[in-house]
Amino acid sequence: MEPTPDVDPLSADELLLWQSLGRLVHSLPRTLEQDMARTGVTMTEFAVLLLLSGAPDRRMRMSALAAASGVTPPRITRIIEGLSRHGLVRKERHGLDARGSEAVLTDTGLRALHAAQPAHLASARRRVLDHIPADLLPGMAATLAALAEGPEIDSGPSASPGN
């Protein structure tokens, strides 16, 4: 068994943050899904539709869509297949690279996105945004964006800066 490197213990504030983040990571998705249940699209489906709505020509490569939405390639395939069955997206071969596929948001999908948006915004405000003081919002947004984009999250336990 490999020896554990010396690690500084967490301060009281760090421990509170870490434990609270752990609870939030597990409870918030379930709560948001419940909030979105009446819209006909799940929170993940809404996120995918939103990404596609902002993409050039409302289309994205499947691999880019998976990365942007934070899900695995197999999961994005299942999500797109489900959305396709309802006519919200189409899956097409990439025009320049026949090996890849693109998801394309349909007009029906755009209407579904717009219909679900009020519930999504209300949920985001009620569950998270209304609880963050306005002066802390820019810093928190930047920090969470950096954490979400950082290679450390996806690189596993052996990751270290500069690797």
N, C-alpha and C. Protein backbone atom coordinates (compact mmCIF):
# COMPACT_ATOMS: atom_id res chain seq x y z
N MET A 1 0.84 -1.17 0.00
CA MET A 1 0.00 0.00 0.00
C MET A 1 0.89 1.24 0.00
N GLU A 2 0.55 2.19 -0.84
CA GLU A 2 1.33 3.42 -0.99
C GLU A 2 1.14 4.32 0.23
N PRO A 3 2.23 4.93 0.74
CA PRO A 3 2.06 5.82 1.89
C PRO A 3 1.28 7.07 1.48
N THR A 4 0.50 7.56 2.43
CA THR A 4 -0.30 8.77 2.21
C THR A 4 0.58 9.98 2.43
N PRO A 5 0.61 10.90 1.46
CA PRO A 5 1.42 12.10 1.65
C PRO A 5 0.83 12.96 2.77
N ASP A 6 1.71 13.72 3.41
CA ASP A 6 1.23 14.64 4.45
C ASP A 6 0.32 15.68 3.82
N VAL A 7 -0.85 15.83 4.38
CA VAL A 7 -1.83 16.79 3.89
C VAL A 7 -2.30 17.60 5.08
N ASP A 8 -2.33 18.90 4.89
CA ASP A 8 -2.82 19.77 5.97
C ASP A 8 -4.28 19.48 6.23
N PRO A 9 -4.67 19.44 7.50
CA PRO A 9 -6.09 19.25 7.81
C PRO A 9 -6.90 20.46 7.33
N LEU A 10 -8.17 20.24 7.11
CA LEU A 10 -9.04 21.32 6.69
C LEU A 10 -9.36 22.24 7.86
N SER A 11 -9.41 23.52 7.56
CA SER A 11 -9.86 24.47 8.57
C SER A 11 -11.36 24.28 8.76
N ALA A 12 -11.92 24.89 9.77
CA ALA A 12 -13.36 24.77 10.02
C ALA A 12 -14.16 25.28 8.82
N ASP A 13 -13.74 26.40 8.23
CA ASP A 13 -14.45 26.93 7.06
C ASP A 13 -14.30 26.03 5.85
N GLU A 14 -13.09 25.48 5.65
CA GLU A 14 -12.87 24.57 4.54
C GLU A 14 -13.72 23.30 4.69
N LEU A 15 -13.78 22.77 5.91
CA LEU A 15 -14.58 21.58 6.17
C LEU A 15 -16.06 21.85 5.92
N LEU A 16 -16.55 22.98 6.40
CA LEU A 16 -17.94 23.35 6.17
C LEU A 16 -18.23 23.46 4.68
N LEU A 17 -17.34 24.13 3.94
CA LEU A 17 -17.51 24.26 2.49
C LEU A 17 -17.51 22.90 1.82
N TRP A 18 -16.55 22.05 2.16
CA TRP A 18 -16.41 20.76 1.51
C TRP A 18 -17.62 19.86 1.79
N GLN A 19 -18.04 19.81 3.05
CA GLN A 19 -19.19 18.97 3.40
C GLN A 19 -20.47 19.52 2.77
N SER A 20 -20.63 20.82 2.76
CA SER A 20 -21.81 21.43 2.15
C SER A 20 -21.84 21.19 0.65
N LEU A 21 -20.69 21.30 0.02
CA LEU A 21 -20.61 21.04 -1.42
C LEU A 21 -20.98 19.59 -1.71
N GLY A 22 -20.52 18.68 -0.88
CA GLY A 22 -20.86 17.27 -1.06
C GLY A 22 -22.37 17.04 -0.98
N ARG A 23 -23.01 17.64 0.01
CA ARG A 23 -24.47 17.50 0.13
C ARG A 23 -25.16 18.12 -1.08
N LEU A 24 -24.69 19.28 -1.50
CA LEU A 24 -25.29 19.98 -2.63
C LEU A 24 -25.17 19.19 -3.93
N VAL A 25 -24.00 18.60 -4.15
CA VAL A 25 -23.76 17.81 -5.36
C VAL A 25 -24.73 16.63 -5.44
N HIS A 26 -25.12 16.11 -4.29
CA HIS A 26 -26.02 14.96 -4.29
C HIS A 26 -27.49 15.35 -4.26
N SER A 27 -27.83 16.43 -3.58
CA SER A 27 -29.24 16.77 -3.43
C SER A 27 -29.77 17.73 -4.50
N LEU A 28 -28.95 18.64 -5.00
CA LEU A 28 -29.45 19.64 -5.94
C LEU A 28 -29.94 19.04 -7.26
N PRO A 29 -29.22 18.10 -7.87
CA PRO A 29 -29.74 17.54 -9.13
C PRO A 29 -31.14 16.93 -8.97
N ARG A 30 -31.36 16.22 -7.89
CA ARG A 30 -32.67 15.60 -7.64
C ARG A 30 -33.76 16.67 -7.49
N THR A 31 -33.44 17.73 -6.77
CA THR A 31 -34.40 18.81 -6.56
C THR A 31 -34.70 19.54 -7.87
N LEU A 32 -33.67 19.81 -8.65
CA LEU A 32 -33.87 20.49 -9.93
C LEU A 32 -34.69 19.62 -10.89
N GLU A 33 -34.44 18.32 -10.89
CA GLU A 33 -35.22 17.41 -11.73
C GLU A 33 -36.70 17.44 -11.32
N GLN A 34 -36.97 17.49 -10.03
CA GLN A 34 -38.35 17.57 -9.57
C GLN A 34 -38.99 18.88 -10.04
N ASP A 35 -38.24 19.96 -9.98
CA ASP A 35 -38.76 21.25 -10.43
C ASP A 35 -39.08 21.23 -11.92
N MET A 36 -38.29 20.52 -12.71
CA MET A 36 -38.45 20.49 -14.16
C MET A 36 -39.45 19.42 -14.63
N ALA A 37 -39.91 18.56 -13.74
CA ALA A 37 -40.75 17.43 -14.13
C ALA A 37 -41.99 17.85 -14.91
N ARG A 38 -42.58 18.97 -14.57
CA ARG A 38 -43.81 19.41 -15.24
C ARG A 38 -43.57 19.96 -16.64
N THR A 39 -42.31 20.19 -17.02
CA THR A 39 -42.03 20.81 -18.32
C THR A 39 -41.96 19.81 -19.46
N GLY A 40 -41.79 18.54 -19.15
CA GLY A 40 -41.64 17.53 -20.20
C GLY A 40 -40.21 17.28 -20.61
N VAL A 41 -39.26 18.06 -20.08
CA VAL A 41 -37.84 17.81 -20.32
C VAL A 41 -37.12 17.75 -18.98
N THR A 42 -36.13 16.90 -18.91
CA THR A 42 -35.34 16.81 -17.69
C THR A 42 -34.35 17.97 -17.64
N MET A 43 -33.72 18.15 -16.51
CA MET A 43 -32.72 19.20 -16.37
C MET A 43 -31.57 18.98 -17.36
N THR A 44 -31.14 17.76 -17.51
CA THR A 44 -30.06 17.46 -18.44
C THR A 44 -30.49 17.71 -19.88
N GLU A 45 -31.70 17.30 -20.23
CA GLU A 45 -32.20 17.57 -21.57
C GLU A 45 -32.30 19.08 -21.82
N PHE A 46 -32.77 19.81 -20.81
CA PHE A 46 -32.85 21.27 -20.95
C PHE A 46 -31.47 21.85 -21.21
N ALA A 47 -30.48 21.39 -20.45
CA ALA A 47 -29.11 21.89 -20.63
C ALA A 47 -28.60 21.62 -22.04
N VAL A 48 -28.91 20.44 -22.58
CA VAL A 48 -28.48 20.08 -23.94
C VAL A 48 -29.19 20.98 -24.95
N LEU A 49 -30.50 21.15 -24.79
CA LEU A 49 -31.25 22.02 -25.71
C LEU A 49 -30.71 23.45 -25.66
N LEU A 50 -30.38 23.91 -24.46
CA LEU A 50 -29.85 25.27 -24.30
C LEU A 50 -28.50 25.41 -25.00
N LEU A 51 -27.63 24.43 -24.85
CA LEU A 51 -26.34 24.46 -25.53
C LEU A 51 -26.52 24.49 -27.04
N LEU A 52 -27.41 23.65 -27.54
CA LEU A 52 -27.65 23.60 -28.98
C LEU A 52 -28.24 24.92 -29.49
N SER A 53 -29.09 25.55 -28.68
CA SER A 53 -29.72 26.80 -29.12
C SER A 53 -28.70 27.92 -29.30
N GLY A 54 -27.60 27.84 -28.56
CA GLY A 54 -26.57 28.87 -28.66
C GLY A 54 -25.45 28.55 -29.62
N ALA A 55 -25.49 27.36 -30.21
CA ALA A 55 -24.44 26.93 -31.12
C ALA A 55 -24.72 27.47 -32.53
N PRO A 56 -23.66 27.68 -33.32
CA PRO A 56 -23.86 28.10 -34.71
C PRO A 56 -24.78 27.13 -35.46
N ASP A 57 -25.77 27.64 -36.13
CA ASP A 57 -26.75 26.84 -36.87
C ASP A 57 -27.46 25.83 -35.97
N ARG A 58 -27.44 26.08 -34.66
CA ARG A 58 -28.09 25.21 -33.67
C ARG A 58 -27.62 23.76 -33.79
N ARG A 59 -26.31 23.58 -34.05
CA ARG A 59 -25.75 22.24 -34.20
C ARG A 59 -24.40 22.16 -33.50
N MET A 60 -24.12 20.98 -32.96
CA MET A 60 -22.82 20.71 -32.32
C MET A 60 -22.43 19.27 -32.57
N ARG A 61 -21.12 19.05 -32.65
CA ARG A 61 -20.61 17.68 -32.70
C ARG A 61 -21.00 17.00 -31.40
N MET A 62 -21.29 15.73 -31.49
CA MET A 62 -21.70 14.98 -30.30
C MET A 62 -20.63 15.02 -29.22
N SER A 63 -19.37 14.87 -29.61
CA SER A 63 -18.28 14.87 -28.62
C SER A 63 -18.19 16.23 -27.93
N ALA A 64 -18.35 17.32 -28.67
CA ALA A 64 -18.31 18.66 -28.08
C ALA A 64 -19.51 18.89 -27.17
N LEU A 65 -20.66 18.37 -27.56
CA LEU A 65 -21.87 18.50 -26.75
C LEU A 65 -21.73 17.74 -25.44
N ALA A 66 -21.14 16.56 -25.50
CA ALA A 66 -20.90 15.78 -24.28
C ALA A 66 -19.98 16.56 -23.34
N ALA A 67 -18.89 17.08 -23.88
CA ALA A 67 -17.94 17.83 -23.05
C ALA A 67 -18.58 19.08 -22.46
N ALA A 68 -19.32 19.82 -23.27
CA ALA A 68 -19.93 21.07 -22.82
C ALA A 68 -21.01 20.84 -21.77
N SER A 69 -21.69 19.70 -21.85
CA SER A 69 -22.77 19.42 -20.90
C SER A 69 -22.29 18.64 -19.68
N GLY A 70 -21.04 18.17 -19.72
CA GLY A 70 -20.48 17.47 -18.57
C GLY A 70 -20.95 16.03 -18.44
N VAL A 71 -21.38 15.42 -19.54
CA VAL A 71 -21.78 14.02 -19.50
C VAL A 71 -20.85 13.21 -20.40
N THR A 72 -20.90 11.91 -20.24
CA THR A 72 -20.04 11.04 -21.03
C THR A 72 -20.58 10.93 -22.46
N PRO A 73 -19.71 10.59 -23.42
CA PRO A 73 -20.20 10.39 -24.79
C PRO A 73 -21.34 9.36 -24.89
N PRO A 74 -21.26 8.21 -24.21
CA PRO A 74 -22.39 7.28 -24.30
C PRO A 74 -23.70 7.88 -23.75
N ARG A 75 -23.58 8.66 -22.69
CA ARG A 75 -24.80 9.27 -22.11
C ARG A 75 -25.37 10.32 -23.05
N ILE A 76 -24.51 11.14 -23.69
CA ILE A 76 -25.04 12.15 -24.60
C ILE A 76 -25.74 11.47 -25.77
N THR A 77 -25.23 10.32 -26.20
CA THR A 77 -25.88 9.56 -27.27
C THR A 77 -27.29 9.15 -26.85
N ARG A 78 -27.43 8.64 -25.63
CA ARG A 78 -28.76 8.24 -25.13
C ARG A 78 -29.69 9.45 -25.01
N ILE A 79 -29.16 10.57 -24.52
CA ILE A 79 -29.98 11.78 -24.38
C ILE A 79 -30.47 12.24 -25.74
N ILE A 80 -29.57 12.31 -26.70
CA ILE A 80 -29.92 12.77 -28.05
C ILE A 80 -30.92 11.80 -28.69
N GLU A 81 -30.74 10.50 -28.49
CA GLU A 81 -31.71 9.54 -29.03
C GLU A 81 -33.09 9.78 -28.45
N GLY A 82 -33.17 10.04 -27.15
CA GLY A 82 -34.46 10.32 -26.51
C GLY A 82 -35.08 11.60 -27.04
N LEU A 83 -34.28 12.64 -27.16
CA LEU A 83 -34.78 13.91 -27.69
C LEU A 83 -35.20 13.76 -29.15
N SER A 84 -34.50 12.93 -29.89
CA SER A 84 -34.83 12.68 -31.30
C SER A 84 -36.19 12.00 -31.44
N ARG A 85 -36.47 11.06 -30.54
CA ARG A 85 -37.77 10.37 -30.59
C ARG A 85 -38.94 11.33 -30.44
N HIS A 86 -38.71 12.45 -29.77
CA HIS A 86 -39.75 13.46 -29.58
C HIS A 86 -39.66 14.60 -30.59
N GLY A 87 -38.74 14.47 -31.56
CA GLY A 87 -38.61 15.48 -32.61
C GLY A 87 -37.95 16.77 -32.16
N LEU A 88 -37.26 16.74 -31.01
CA LEU A 88 -36.64 17.95 -30.48
C LEU A 88 -35.25 18.20 -31.07
N VAL A 89 -34.59 17.14 -31.46
CA VAL A 89 -33.28 17.24 -32.12
C VAL A 89 -33.22 16.21 -33.24
N ARG A 90 -32.26 16.41 -34.13
CA ARG A 90 -31.92 15.44 -35.16
C ARG A 90 -30.45 15.10 -35.00
N LYS A 91 -30.11 13.89 -35.33
CA LYS A 91 -28.70 13.49 -35.34
C LYS A 91 -28.31 13.32 -36.79
N GLU A 92 -27.24 14.01 -37.19
CA GLU A 92 -26.77 13.97 -38.57
C GLU A 92 -25.29 13.65 -38.60
N ARG A 93 -24.85 13.07 -39.71
CA ARG A 93 -23.42 12.87 -39.92
C ARG A 93 -22.77 14.24 -40.09
N HIS A 94 -21.58 14.39 -39.56
CA HIS A 94 -20.84 15.64 -39.71
C HIS A 94 -20.53 15.85 -41.18
N GLY A 95 -20.74 17.07 -41.68
CA GLY A 95 -20.55 17.36 -43.09
C GLY A 95 -19.14 17.15 -43.60
N LEU A 96 -18.12 17.43 -42.77
CA LEU A 96 -16.74 17.32 -43.22
C LEU A 96 -16.04 16.06 -42.73
N ASP A 97 -16.57 15.45 -41.70
CA ASP A 97 -15.93 14.28 -41.09
C ASP A 97 -17.00 13.21 -40.89
N ALA A 98 -17.07 12.27 -41.81
CA ALA A 98 -18.12 11.24 -41.77
C ALA A 98 -18.02 10.35 -40.54
N ARG A 99 -16.88 10.40 -39.83
CA ARG A 99 -16.74 9.57 -38.62
C ARG A 99 -17.55 10.14 -37.47
N GLY A 100 -17.82 11.44 -37.50
CA GLY A 100 -18.50 12.08 -36.39
C GLY A 100 -19.95 12.42 -36.70
N SER A 101 -20.70 12.63 -35.65
CA SER A 101 -22.10 13.02 -35.79
C SER A 101 -22.33 14.35 -35.10
N GLU A 102 -23.38 15.02 -35.53
CA GLU A 102 -23.79 16.28 -34.92
C GLU A 102 -25.23 16.16 -34.45
N ALA A 103 -25.52 16.86 -33.38
CA ALA A 103 -26.90 17.01 -32.91
C ALA A 103 -27.38 18.36 -33.40
N VAL A 104 -28.59 18.39 -33.93
CA VAL A 104 -29.16 19.62 -34.49
C VAL A 104 -30.48 19.90 -33.79
N LEU A 105 -30.62 21.08 -33.23
CA LEU A 105 -31.86 21.48 -32.56
C LEU A 105 -32.92 21.81 -33.61
N THR A 106 -34.07 21.18 -33.50
CA THR A 106 -35.17 21.44 -34.43
C THR A 106 -36.00 22.64 -33.95
N ASP A 107 -36.90 23.12 -34.81
CA ASP A 107 -37.80 24.19 -34.40
C ASP A 107 -38.68 23.72 -33.24
N THR A 108 -39.09 22.47 -33.27
CA THR A 108 -39.89 21.90 -32.17
C THR A 108 -39.07 21.91 -30.87
N GLY A 109 -37.80 21.57 -30.98
CA GLY A 109 -36.92 21.58 -29.82
C GLY A 109 -36.73 22.99 -29.26
N LEU A 110 -36.62 23.96 -30.15
CA LEU A 110 -36.48 25.35 -29.71
C LEU A 110 -37.74 25.80 -28.98
N ARG A 111 -38.90 25.41 -29.48
CA ARG A 111 -40.16 25.75 -28.79
C ARG A 111 -40.23 25.07 -27.43
N ALA A 112 -39.80 23.82 -27.34
CA ALA A 112 -39.79 23.10 -26.06
C ALA A 112 -38.84 23.79 -25.07
N LEU A 113 -37.70 24.22 -25.56
CA LEU A 113 -36.74 24.95 -24.72
C LEU A 113 -37.39 26.22 -24.17
N HIS A 114 -38.01 26.99 -25.05
CA HIS A 114 -38.65 28.25 -24.63
C HIS A 114 -39.79 27.99 -23.65
N ALA A 115 -40.52 26.91 -23.84
CA ALA A 115 -41.62 26.58 -22.93
C ALA A 115 -41.10 26.17 -21.55
N ALA A 116 -39.96 25.49 -21.50
CA ALA A 116 -39.39 25.02 -20.23
C ALA A 116 -38.58 26.09 -19.52
N GLN A 117 -38.19 27.12 -20.24
CA GLN A 117 -37.28 28.13 -19.67
C GLN A 117 -37.83 28.82 -18.41
N PRO A 118 -39.10 29.22 -18.35
CA PRO A 118 -39.58 29.86 -17.12
C PRO A 118 -39.42 28.96 -15.88
N ALA A 119 -39.73 27.68 -16.01
CA ALA A 119 -39.57 26.76 -14.88
C ALA A 119 -38.10 26.62 -14.50
N HIS A 120 -37.23 26.56 -15.50
CA HIS A 120 -35.80 26.45 -15.25
C HIS A 120 -35.29 27.69 -14.51
N LEU A 121 -35.65 28.86 -15.00
CA LEU A 121 -35.19 30.10 -14.37
C LEU A 121 -35.73 30.24 -12.95
N ALA A 122 -36.99 29.91 -12.75
CA ALA A 122 -37.57 29.99 -11.41
C ALA A 122 -36.85 29.04 -10.46
N SER A 123 -36.55 27.84 -10.93
CA SER A 123 -35.85 26.85 -10.11
C SER A 123 -34.44 27.34 -9.78
N ALA A 124 -33.73 27.85 -10.79
CA ALA A 124 -32.36 28.34 -10.57
C ALA A 124 -32.35 29.46 -9.53
N ARG A 125 -33.30 30.37 -9.65
CA ARG A 125 -33.36 31.48 -8.68
C ARG A 125 -33.73 30.98 -7.29
N ARG A 126 -34.82 30.21 -7.19
CA ARG A 126 -35.32 29.77 -5.89
C ARG A 126 -34.33 28.85 -5.18
N ARG A 127 -33.70 27.95 -5.92
CA ARG A 127 -32.83 26.95 -5.29
C ARG A 127 -31.41 27.42 -5.03
N VAL A 128 -30.92 28.39 -5.84
CA VAL A 128 -29.51 28.78 -5.71
C VAL A 128 -29.32 30.29 -5.72
N LEU A 129 -29.65 30.93 -6.82
CA LEU A 129 -29.23 32.32 -7.04
C LEU A 129 -29.76 33.30 -6.02
N ASP A 130 -30.99 33.12 -5.56
CA ASP A 130 -31.55 34.04 -4.56
C ASP A 130 -30.85 33.93 -3.21
N HIS A 131 -30.04 32.91 -3.03
CA HIS A 131 -29.35 32.70 -1.75
C HIS A 131 -27.91 33.22 -1.77
N ILE A 132 -27.49 33.77 -2.89
CA ILE A 132 -26.12 34.26 -3.01
C ILE A 132 -26.15 35.79 -3.03
N PRO A 133 -25.46 36.42 -2.08
CA PRO A 133 -25.42 37.89 -2.08
C PRO A 133 -24.84 38.41 -3.40
N ALA A 134 -25.43 39.48 -3.89
CA ALA A 134 -25.05 40.04 -5.20
C ALA A 134 -23.56 40.34 -5.28
N ASP A 135 -22.95 40.81 -4.19
CA ASP A 135 -21.54 41.16 -4.24
C ASP A 135 -20.63 39.93 -4.32
N LEU A 136 -21.13 38.77 -3.95
CA LEU A 136 -20.35 37.53 -4.02
C LEU A 136 -20.54 36.79 -5.34
N LEU A 137 -21.61 37.12 -6.06
CA LEU A 137 -21.96 36.38 -7.27
C LEU A 137 -20.85 36.34 -8.32
N PRO A 138 -20.23 37.48 -8.70
CA PRO A 138 -19.19 37.40 -9.74
C PRO A 138 -18.02 36.48 -9.35
N GLY A 139 -17.55 36.57 -8.13
CA GLY A 139 -16.44 35.73 -7.69
C GLY A 139 -16.81 34.26 -7.63
N MET A 140 -18.01 33.98 -7.12
CA MET A 140 -18.46 32.59 -7.06
C MET A 140 -18.64 32.02 -8.46
N ALA A 141 -19.22 32.82 -9.35
CA ALA A 141 -19.42 32.35 -10.72
C ALA A 141 -18.09 32.03 -11.38
N ALA A 142 -17.11 32.91 -11.23
CA ALA A 142 -15.79 32.69 -11.83
C ALA A 142 -15.11 31.46 -11.22
N THR A 143 -15.21 31.31 -9.92
CA THR A 143 -14.58 30.17 -9.25
C THR A 143 -15.20 28.85 -9.68
N LEU A 144 -16.53 28.79 -9.69
CA LEU A 144 -17.20 27.55 -10.09
C LEU A 144 -16.95 27.23 -11.56
N ALA A 145 -16.91 28.26 -12.41
CA ALA A 145 -16.60 28.03 -13.82
C ALA A 145 -15.19 27.47 -13.97
N ALA A 146 -14.25 28.01 -13.23
CA ALA A 146 -12.87 27.51 -13.30
C ALA A 146 -12.78 26.07 -12.80
N LEU A 147 -13.50 25.76 -11.72
CA LEU A 147 -13.50 24.39 -11.21
C LEU A 147 -14.12 23.43 -12.22
N ALA A 148 -15.23 23.86 -12.84
CA ALA A 148 -15.91 23.01 -13.82
C ALA A 148 -15.06 22.79 -15.06
N GLU A 149 -14.25 23.75 -15.44
CA GLU A 149 -13.42 23.65 -16.64
C GLU A 149 -12.06 23.06 -16.38
N GLY A 150 -11.64 23.05 -15.12
CA GLY A 150 -10.29 22.65 -14.78
C GLY A 150 -10.00 21.19 -15.06
N PRO A 151 -8.79 20.88 -15.51
CA PRO A 151 -8.43 19.50 -15.80
C PRO A 151 -8.34 18.65 -14.54
N GLU A 152 -8.20 19.26 -13.38
CA GLU A 152 -8.03 18.49 -12.15
C GLU A 152 -9.23 17.62 -11.85
N ILE A 153 -10.43 18.07 -12.20
CA ILE A 153 -11.64 17.31 -11.89
C ILE A 153 -11.69 16.03 -12.70
N ASP A 154 -11.33 16.09 -13.97
CA ASP A 154 -11.44 14.93 -14.84
C ASP A 154 -10.19 14.05 -14.83
N SER A 155 -9.13 14.49 -14.24
CA SER A 155 -7.86 13.78 -14.36
C SER A 155 -7.63 12.70 -13.33
N GLY A 156 -8.46 12.64 -12.31
CA GLY A 156 -8.32 11.57 -11.33
C GLY A 156 -7.35 11.93 -10.22
N PRO A 157 -7.15 10.99 -9.31
CA PRO A 157 -6.39 11.26 -8.10
C PRO A 157 -4.91 11.53 -8.31
N SER A 158 -4.32 11.07 -9.40
CA SER A 158 -2.89 11.27 -9.59
C SER A 158 -2.58 12.60 -10.27
N ALA A 159 -3.61 13.36 -10.59
CA ALA A 159 -3.39 14.63 -11.29
C ALA A 159 -2.69 15.61 -10.37
N SER A 160 -1.81 16.35 -10.96
CA SER A 160 -1.17 17.45 -10.24
C SER A 160 -0.95 18.58 -11.23
N PRO A 161 -0.89 19.81 -10.73
CA PRO A 161 -0.70 20.93 -11.64
C PRO A 161 0.55 20.75 -12.48
N GLY A 162 0.43 21.05 -13.75
CA GLY A 162 1.57 20.97 -14.65
C GLY A 162 1.74 19.63 -15.34
N ASN A 163 0.94 18.62 -14.97
CA ASN A 163 1.04 17.31 -15.63
C ASN A 163 0.27 17.28 -16.90
